[in-house]
Protein backbone atom coordinates (compact mmCIF):
# COMPACT_ATOMS: atom_id res chain seq x y z
CA MET A 1 -22.00 -13.60 5.84
CA SER A 2 -23.49 -10.87 4.31
CA GLY A 3 -25.50 -8.26 7.14
CA HIS A 4 -26.80 -4.89 7.61
CA PRO A 5 -24.39 -2.29 7.34
CA GLY A 6 -25.15 0.30 10.23
CA ASN A 7 -27.14 -2.67 12.13
CA PRO A 8 -24.57 -4.57 14.06
CA GLU A 9 -26.19 -8.12 15.69
CA PRO A 10 -24.72 -8.73 19.02
CA LEU A 11 -21.60 -10.35 18.90
CA SER A 12 -22.07 -14.15 20.46
CA PRO A 13 -20.72 -14.61 23.98
CA ARG A 14 -17.93 -16.69 22.29
CA ALA A 15 -17.43 -13.42 19.98
CA LYS A 16 -17.11 -11.18 22.80
CA LEU A 17 -14.76 -13.53 24.70
CA ALA A 18 -12.33 -13.72 21.75
CA VAL A 19 -12.35 -9.86 21.35
CA THR A 20 -11.85 -9.32 25.34
CA ALA A 21 -9.27 -11.74 25.42
CA GLY A 22 -7.58 -10.36 22.05
CA LYS A 23 -7.42 -6.62 23.43
CA ALA A 24 -5.99 -7.82 26.87
CA ALA A 25 -3.38 -9.74 24.70
CA ALA A 26 -2.73 -6.64 22.75
CA ALA A 27 -2.58 -4.16 25.72
CA VAL A 28 0.19 -6.79 27.58
CA SER A 29 2.33 -6.43 24.37
CA ARG A 30 2.10 -2.56 24.39
CA ALA A 31 3.44 -2.35 27.97
CA ALA A 32 5.66 -4.80 27.62
CA GLY A 33 7.05 -2.18 24.87
CA ARG A 34 6.84 -4.84 22.09
CA GLY A 35 4.67 -2.83 19.34
CA SER A 36 1.12 -1.79 18.86
CA GLY A 37 -0.04 -5.29 19.91
CA SER A 38 -2.40 -5.50 16.94
CA VAL A 39 -1.10 -8.87 15.33
CA ILE A 40 -1.16 -10.71 18.50
CA GLY A 41 -4.27 -9.34 19.91
CA GLY A 42 -5.97 -10.72 16.50
CA ARG A 43 -4.32 -13.62 16.38
CA VAL A 44 -5.73 -14.51 20.11
CA ALA A 45 -8.91 -13.51 19.28
CA LEU A 46 -9.20 -15.88 16.01
CA LYS A 47 -7.59 -18.89 18.36
CA LEU A 48 -10.92 -18.16 20.03
CA ASP A 49 -13.25 -17.74 17.51
CA PRO A 50 -12.63 -18.61 13.74
CA ASP A 51 -15.05 -17.03 12.46
CA LEU A 52 -14.43 -13.77 14.46
CA LEU A 53 -13.55 -11.52 11.16
CA GLY A 54 -16.88 -12.16 9.31
CA ARG A 55 -18.56 -11.17 12.53
CA LEU A 56 -17.15 -8.15 13.04
CA ALA A 57 -17.20 -6.97 9.56
CA GLN A 58 -21.28 -8.18 8.99
CA HIS A 59 -22.51 -4.32 9.92
CA LEU A 60 -20.09 -2.77 7.86
CA ASP A 61 -19.69 -1.77 4.54
CA VAL A 62 -16.15 -2.62 3.46
CA VAL A 63 -13.58 -1.50 1.15
CA LEU A 64 -10.47 -3.81 0.71
CA VAL A 65 -7.05 -2.76 -0.39
CA SER A 66 -4.86 -4.59 -1.89
CA ALA A 67 -1.39 -4.12 -4.23
CA THR A 68 2.37 -4.31 -3.97
CA ASN A 69 2.67 -0.50 -3.35
CA GLY A 70 0.87 2.27 -2.46
CA LYS A 71 -2.12 -0.11 -0.32
CA THR A 72 -1.59 1.72 3.22
CA THR A 73 -1.71 5.46 1.52
CA THR A 74 -4.84 4.33 -0.18
CA THR A 75 -6.69 3.10 2.77
CA ARG A 76 -5.62 6.04 4.74
CA LEU A 77 -7.00 8.43 1.77
CA ILE A 78 -10.11 6.20 1.31
CA ALA A 79 -10.75 6.35 4.92
CA GLU A 80 -10.51 9.83 5.00
CA ALA A 81 -12.93 10.48 1.85
CA LEU A 82 -15.52 7.74 3.46
CA ARG A 83 -15.80 10.09 6.85
CA ALA A 84 -17.57 12.60 5.12
CA SER A 85 -20.57 9.95 4.96
CA GLY A 86 -19.81 8.46 8.42
CA PRO A 87 -17.64 6.82 11.13
CA VAL A 88 -14.99 4.54 9.39
CA VAL A 89 -12.79 1.59 11.17
CA SER A 90 -9.84 0.98 9.10
CA ASN A 91 -6.39 -0.77 9.85
CA ALA A 92 -4.69 2.16 9.37
CA LEU A 93 -1.06 1.57 10.94
CA GLY A 94 -1.00 -1.35 8.16
CA ALA A 95 -1.43 -4.48 10.00
CA ASN A 96 -3.02 -6.09 6.78
CA MET A 97 -2.83 -9.93 7.41
CA PRO A 98 -6.19 -11.46 9.11
CA ALA A 99 -4.97 -11.37 12.74
CA GLY A 100 -4.19 -7.01 12.22
CA ILE A 101 -7.66 -6.98 10.50
CA THR A 102 -9.63 -8.78 13.14
CA SER A 103 -8.02 -6.58 15.69
CA ALA A 104 -8.71 -3.17 14.23
CA LEU A 105 -12.67 -4.09 13.23
CA ALA A 106 -12.60 -5.41 16.92
CA GLY A 107 -12.23 -1.37 18.13
CA GLY A 108 -15.25 -0.63 15.23
CA SER A 109 -18.46 -1.48 16.62
CA ASP A 110 -19.95 2.06 15.83
CA ALA A 111 -18.59 2.23 12.37
CA ARG A 112 -20.33 2.40 9.38
CA PHE A 113 -17.75 1.73 6.70
CA GLY A 114 -14.37 -0.18 7.19
CA VAL A 115 -11.43 0.18 5.26
CA ILE A 116 -9.55 -2.44 5.35
CA GLU A 117 -5.91 -3.06 3.64
CA VAL A 118 -5.14 -6.78 2.70
CA ASP A 119 -1.38 -8.47 2.12
CA GLU A 120 -1.77 -9.35 -1.38
CA LYS A 121 -1.53 -13.25 -0.67
CA TYR A 122 -4.68 -12.77 1.81
CA LEU A 123 -6.49 -10.84 -0.54
CA ALA A 124 -9.57 -13.99 -1.59
CA GLY A 125 -9.91 -14.76 2.01
CA VAL A 126 -10.21 -11.87 3.44
CA ALA A 127 -13.08 -11.12 0.85
CA ARG A 128 -14.59 -14.42 1.60
CA ASP A 129 -14.89 -13.66 5.12
CA THR A 130 -16.01 -10.14 4.96
CA THR A 131 -18.34 -9.49 1.96
CA PRO A 132 -16.63 -6.41 0.68
CA LYS A 133 -18.84 -3.70 -1.19
CA ALA A 134 -16.26 -2.46 -3.02
CA ILE A 135 -12.73 -3.85 -3.58
CA ALA A 136 -9.70 -1.96 -5.17
CA LEU A 137 -6.68 -3.20 -6.80
CA LEU A 138 -3.97 -0.94 -7.32
CA ASN A 139 -0.72 -2.78 -8.92
CA LEU A 140 1.56 -6.10 -8.86
CA SER A 141 5.13 -6.38 -9.09
CA ARG A 142 7.88 -8.45 -7.72
CA ASP A 143 8.36 -8.20 -4.01
CA GLN A 144 9.65 -10.25 -0.86
CA LEU A 145 11.25 -12.73 -3.34
CA ASP A 146 11.41 -15.36 -0.79
CA ARG A 147 7.92 -15.12 0.34
CA ALA A 148 5.29 -14.18 -2.26
CA ALA A 149 4.91 -16.10 -5.46
CA GLU A 150 5.45 -15.08 -8.76
CA THR A 151 3.59 -11.95 -9.74
CA ARG A 152 1.43 -14.21 -12.20
CA MET A 153 0.48 -16.63 -10.27
CA LEU A 154 -0.68 -14.00 -7.88
CA ALA A 155 -2.86 -11.98 -10.44
CA GLU A 156 -3.74 -15.81 -11.04
CA LYS A 157 -5.16 -16.56 -7.36
CA TRP A 158 -6.72 -13.13 -7.26
CA ARG A 159 -8.50 -13.78 -10.72
CA GLU A 160 -9.84 -17.05 -8.80
CA GLY A 161 -10.89 -15.88 -5.80
CA LEU A 162 -12.57 -12.76 -7.37
CA ASN A 163 -14.77 -14.56 -9.69
CA GLY A 164 -18.65 -14.12 -9.11
CA SER A 165 -17.71 -11.48 -6.77
CA LYS A 166 -20.61 -9.64 -5.43
CA ALA A 167 -17.87 -6.21 -4.65
CA VAL A 168 -17.86 -3.69 -6.83
CA VAL A 169 -13.77 -4.07 -8.15
CA ILE A 170 -12.03 -0.53 -8.65
CA ALA A 171 -9.15 -1.49 -11.05
CA ASN A 172 -5.86 -0.34 -12.64
CA ALA A 173 -6.80 -0.61 -16.60
CA ASP A 174 -2.73 0.29 -16.92
CA ASP A 175 -1.87 -2.60 -15.09
CA PRO A 176 -2.12 -6.15 -16.90
CA LEU A 177 -1.80 -8.08 -14.01
CA ILE A 178 -4.40 -6.45 -12.50
CA VAL A 179 -6.57 -6.34 -15.36
CA TRP A 180 -6.01 -9.99 -15.70
CA ALA A 181 -6.79 -10.68 -12.20
CA ALA A 182 -9.93 -8.53 -11.89
CA SER A 183 -11.67 -9.42 -15.27
CA SER A 184 -12.98 -12.50 -13.61
CA SER A 185 -15.72 -10.10 -11.78
CA PRO A 186 -18.72 -9.08 -12.88
CA ASN A 187 -18.54 -5.74 -12.05
CA VAL A 188 -15.51 -3.84 -12.86
CA VAL A 189 -14.90 0.27 -12.55
CA TRP A 190 -11.59 0.63 -14.64
CA VAL A 191 -9.22 3.72 -13.08
CA ALA A 192 -6.53 4.81 -15.92
CA VAL A 193 -3.69 6.16 -13.12
CA GLY A 194 -0.68 5.05 -14.92
CA GLN A 195 2.30 2.48 -15.09
CA GLU A 196 5.66 3.78 -14.29
CA TRP A 197 7.40 0.64 -13.31
CA LYS A 198 7.03 -2.16 -16.30
CA ASP A 199 9.77 -4.71 -15.73
CA ASP A 200 6.77 -7.24 -14.30
CA ALA A 201 4.26 -6.84 -17.17
CA TRP A 202 5.99 -7.43 -20.51
CA SER A 203 4.26 -11.16 -21.37
CA CYS A 204 0.62 -11.46 -21.39
CA PRO A 205 -0.90 -12.50 -17.94
CA SER A 206 -3.56 -14.70 -20.58
CA CYS A 207 -1.73 -16.36 -23.14
CA GLY A 208 2.15 -15.44 -22.11
CA GLY A 209 2.92 -13.73 -25.50
CA VAL A 210 4.62 -10.73 -25.73
CA LEU A 211 2.78 -7.13 -24.98
CA GLN A 212 2.66 -4.53 -27.18
CA ARG A 213 2.90 -1.00 -25.71
CA PRO A 214 2.38 1.81 -27.82
CA GLY A 215 2.00 5.18 -26.06
CA ASP A 216 0.17 4.55 -22.99
CA ASP A 217 -1.90 1.50 -24.43
CA TRP A 218 -1.30 -2.45 -24.39
CA PHE A 219 -2.70 -5.04 -26.09
CA CYS A 220 -1.31 -8.80 -26.85
CA GLY A 221 -1.53 -9.17 -30.29
CA GLU A 222 -1.50 -12.91 -29.77
CA CYS A 223 -4.89 -13.58 -27.60
CA GLY A 224 -6.21 -9.78 -28.24
CA PHE A 225 -6.06 -9.41 -24.46
CA ARG A 226 -5.80 -5.84 -24.19
CA ARG A 227 -6.45 -2.75 -22.02
CA PRO A 228 -9.99 -1.87 -21.09
CA ALA A 229 -11.62 1.27 -21.46
CA PRO A 230 -11.14 3.23 -18.01
CA SER A 231 -14.18 5.26 -16.77
CA TRP A 232 -11.89 7.34 -14.56
CA ALA A 233 -8.69 8.73 -15.13
CA LEU A 234 -5.71 10.23 -13.68
CA SER A 235 -4.97 13.34 -16.03
CA GLY A 236 -2.05 15.69 -14.31
CA ASP A 237 -3.46 17.28 -10.93
CA HIS A 238 -6.77 16.20 -12.03
CA VAL A 239 -8.97 13.42 -12.07
CA LEU A 240 -11.67 12.82 -14.82
CA ASP A 241 -14.38 11.20 -13.57
CA PRO A 242 -16.91 9.20 -15.82
CA HIS A 243 -19.09 12.08 -17.23
CA GLY A 244 -15.81 13.85 -18.15
CA SER A 245 -15.47 16.43 -14.92
CA ALA A 246 -12.10 17.25 -14.24
CA TRP A 247 -11.74 17.49 -10.52
CA PRO A 248 -8.48 19.13 -8.77
CA ILE A 249 -6.28 16.73 -6.81
CA ARG A 250 -4.69 18.80 -4.09
CA LEU A 251 -2.93 16.44 -1.84
CA GLN A 252 -0.25 17.39 0.86
CA LEU A 253 1.56 13.92 0.07
CA PRO A 254 4.22 14.08 -2.33
CA GLY A 255 4.82 12.54 -5.93
CA ARG A 256 2.95 11.09 -9.06
CA ALA A 257 2.36 7.87 -7.39
CA ASN A 258 -0.08 9.40 -4.41
CA LYS A 259 -2.05 11.75 -7.33
CA ALA A 260 -2.50 7.82 -8.78
CA ASN A 261 -3.88 6.92 -5.36
CA ALA A 262 -6.00 9.51 -4.91
CA ALA A 263 -7.46 9.08 -8.00
CA THR A 264 -8.42 5.56 -7.21
CA SER A 265 -9.76 6.26 -3.95
CA ALA A 266 -11.93 9.26 -5.61
CA ALA A 267 -13.20 6.04 -7.84
CA VAL A 268 -13.53 4.25 -4.45
CA ALA A 269 -15.65 6.84 -2.50
CA ALA A 270 -18.30 7.36 -5.49
CA VAL A 271 -18.92 3.60 -5.14
CA PHE A 272 -20.32 4.65 -1.49
CA GLY A 273 -22.07 7.60 -2.80
CA VAL A 274 -19.17 10.43 -1.80
CA PRO A 275 -19.12 13.06 -4.65
CA PRO A 276 -15.42 13.59 -6.10
CA GLN A 277 -14.81 16.63 -4.98
CA VAL A 278 -15.86 16.17 -1.22
CA ALA A 279 -13.73 12.99 -1.40
CA LEU A 280 -10.51 14.89 -3.05
CA GLU A 281 -11.28 17.70 -0.68
CA ARG A 282 -11.28 15.70 2.45
CA MET A 283 -7.96 13.88 1.18
CA TYR A 284 -5.82 16.79 1.34
CA GLN A 285 -5.95 16.31 5.56
CA VAL A 286 -3.47 13.94 5.25
CA GLN A 287 -0.04 15.35 5.94
CA ALA A 288 1.30 11.60 6.34
CA VAL A 289 1.03 7.84 6.89
CA ALA A 290 2.34 5.56 9.38
CA GLY A 291 5.38 8.09 9.49
CA ARG A 292 5.81 7.92 5.77
CA TYR A 293 6.57 11.98 4.32
CA ASP A 294 6.84 12.70 7.43
CA VAL A 295 9.68 15.62 8.20
CA VAL A 296 11.07 15.22 11.79
CA SER A 297 14.12 16.78 13.65
CA PHE A 298 17.18 14.64 14.74
CA GLN A 299 20.42 15.91 15.67
CA ASP A 300 19.33 19.34 14.57
CA ARG A 301 18.84 18.51 10.82
CA GLN A 302 15.72 17.96 8.95
CA LEU A 303 14.93 14.61 7.83
CA ARG A 304 12.11 13.61 5.00
CA LEU A 305 11.08 9.80 5.75
CA LEU A 306 10.23 8.15 2.56
CA LEU A 307 9.53 3.90 2.43
CA ALA A 308 11.02 1.89 -0.70
CA LYS A 309 10.23 -1.88 0.01
CA ASN A 310 10.48 -3.03 -4.02
CA PRO A 311 12.05 -1.66 -7.09
CA ALA A 312 9.08 -0.48 -8.26
CA GLY A 313 8.79 1.34 -5.07
CA TRP A 314 12.07 2.93 -5.25
CA LEU A 315 11.56 4.20 -8.77
CA GLU A 316 8.13 5.87 -7.57
CA THR A 317 10.58 7.33 -4.78
CA PHE A 318 13.51 8.75 -6.58
CA SER A 319 10.93 10.35 -8.43
CA LEU A 320 9.78 12.61 -5.70
CA ILE A 321 12.82 13.49 -3.53
CA ASP A 322 14.60 17.24 -4.41
CA PRO A 323 17.16 17.67 -6.91
CA PRO A 324 21.31 17.52 -5.90
CA PRO A 325 22.85 18.51 -4.33
CA THR A 326 20.21 17.32 -1.63
CA PRO A 327 21.80 14.43 0.81
CA VAL A 328 20.48 11.30 0.40
CA ILE A 329 20.45 8.62 3.41
CA LEU A 330 19.89 4.89 2.10
CA SER A 331 18.93 1.95 4.45
CA VAL A 332 18.27 -1.46 3.45
CA ASN A 333 17.48 -4.64 5.99
CA ALA A 334 16.63 -8.45 4.86
CA ARG A 335 14.70 -9.37 7.85
CA GLY A 336 11.76 -11.59 7.82
CA ALA A 337 9.24 -8.61 7.19
CA ASP A 338 11.33 -7.24 4.51
CA GLY A 339 12.29 -10.73 2.69
CA THR A 340 15.65 -12.15 3.49
CA ASP A 341 16.59 -12.01 -0.59
CA THR A 342 18.56 -8.99 -1.61
CA SER A 343 18.90 -9.41 -5.25
CA TRP A 344 16.00 -7.21 -5.93
CA LEU A 345 18.73 -4.62 -5.40
CA TRP A 346 19.80 -5.08 -9.05
CA ASP A 347 16.97 -4.34 -10.48
CA VAL A 348 16.95 -0.46 -9.27
CA ASP A 349 18.20 2.02 -11.44
CA TYR A 350 20.08 3.56 -8.51
CA GLY A 351 22.13 5.60 -11.73
CA ARG A 352 19.04 8.28 -11.20
CA LEU A 353 20.82 9.15 -7.56
CA ALA A 354 23.79 10.51 -9.28
CA GLY A 355 24.61 13.87 -7.98
CA HIS A 356 23.41 13.34 -4.44
CA PRO A 357 25.67 12.76 -1.99
CA ILE A 358 24.72 9.37 -0.34
CA MET A 359 25.21 8.00 3.22
CA VAL A 360 24.01 4.31 3.04
CA ILE A 361 23.19 2.64 6.63
CA GLY A 362 21.11 -0.56 7.52
CA ASP A 363 21.46 -4.60 8.11
CA ARG A 364 22.75 -5.09 4.54
CA ARG A 365 24.20 -1.93 3.94
CA LEU A 366 27.41 -3.89 2.35
CA ASP A 367 24.87 -5.45 -0.33
CA LEU A 368 23.91 -1.97 -0.94
CA ALA A 369 26.86 -0.35 -1.15
CA VAL A 370 28.08 -3.19 -4.03
CA ARG A 371 24.83 -2.11 -5.79
CA LEU A 372 25.56 1.34 -5.95
CA GLU A 373 29.65 0.78 -6.79
CA VAL A 374 28.21 -0.82 -9.67
CA ALA A 375 25.85 1.91 -10.38
CA GLY A 376 28.86 4.53 -10.56
CA VAL A 377 27.61 6.50 -7.83
CA ASP A 378 29.34 7.77 -5.13
CA PHE A 379 28.40 7.19 -1.53
CA ARG A 380 29.65 6.44 1.84
CA VAL A 381 29.16 3.87 4.26
CA CYS A 382 28.02 4.30 7.64
CA ASP A 383 27.57 2.20 10.92
CA THR A 384 24.50 4.02 12.43
CA LEU A 385 22.16 6.90 11.14
CA ASP A 386 23.53 9.30 14.18
CA GLU A 387 27.09 9.02 11.85
CA ALA A 388 24.96 9.25 8.47
CA VAL A 389 23.54 12.21 9.41
CA ALA A 390 26.49 14.05 10.77
CA MET A 391 28.55 13.18 7.70
CA ALA A 392 25.65 14.63 5.55
CA PRO A 393 26.65 17.92 3.52
CA PRO A 394 23.60 20.98 4.56
CA GLY A 395 20.21 21.02 3.67
CA GLN A 396 17.45 18.48 4.17
CA ILE A 397 18.22 14.95 4.28
CA GLU A 398 15.91 12.47 2.10
CA LEU A 399 15.81 8.92 4.05
CA ILE A 400 14.46 6.53 1.97
CA ALA A 401 14.42 3.30 3.98
CA ASN A 402 13.02 -0.43 3.28
CA TYR A 403 10.74 -1.45 5.86
CA THR A 404 11.99 -2.87 8.53
CA ALA A 405 14.66 -0.10 8.09
CA PHE A 406 12.17 2.25 8.19
CA GLN A 407 10.99 1.37 11.63
CA ASP A 408 14.45 1.23 13.12
CA VAL A 409 14.85 4.99 12.01
CA ARG A 410 11.31 5.76 13.16
CA ARG A 411 12.61 4.19 16.78
CA ARG A 412 15.85 6.23 16.55
CA VAL A 413 14.09 9.81 16.02
CA GLY A 414 11.44 9.05 18.27
CA ASN A 415 8.65 9.25 15.80
């Protein structure tokens, strides 16, 4: 369904009814204290009008963002950059399946741009419904092992779903799975942002052979599948654009991974006509993303809240915490939204936390305790966040939690 950005066609009576009913359901959910209501609201709306997502997107210039890690932050950075050119509607809180996306777009009738984070499993379907102008693909690695397909299968699904897409695909040239997924698209902008976690990308997605990885390059010696030449690149604290100009990245968000997110976001913004300098300056406004990176006061202590959902995410997070003897609280749950399989704990190098005083909480604190024991790292198991904070030695505390554990912590500290 193609529309005319900036000129919304009036919604049909059925679509209007669906939007109104969805908003009412969301309001009831909020009043009952059951979260933002965006998911239930979207479900109700889509029940009444299954084509509503496409109708709500038809007047927007849409960019979709999908990945295993970094999609919520990158969505936020792109939204901030595009606001330089007009109003933006976005699912900023990370409700990234069709119901949550529908809910977000229902509030964007005056917007020009739709910046939408999409769960990896739903990317092809949401792209079909929303006719995006751009799609950003950041990375693929193992996550939610009980729910998600093996990463190679997911890359194959993306490749099929994006085949012949009219969207400009902005893709990470350093992740072989992303390159494989994006290569079916006729219009790809390659961005070199690096790939610290390589454990899901040693075999060639094209033929199954072993990838060769000399330096930052990669290629398959058997079938010739190889890293494409990037037109944008992250270089230290700068983004290099296709003309070779270097633009400084100044962020309030910590860590190398967020510089990579900013580089991709600058490449996306350029597709919509926003120059790198303007885009990057606007990204500086972002201080936290749905609670991530926030520093909060709790029991007369400062806690920095960090989200890490899978091995690749934990690895990036370890690289941005303050050095020992900074105290660290780790919290892991294994509820539905996390994935109930905790075997991924064995893929994380917890030895990198050596020297930090560590407190362990969460539903699966004993699983994590066994993993830390094997890693030879000192830790203490605590029953509650309050107990862990009370036990922590002086200094700002780094708190790293997976998805539902992170939400538990935010509720407890009033964030």
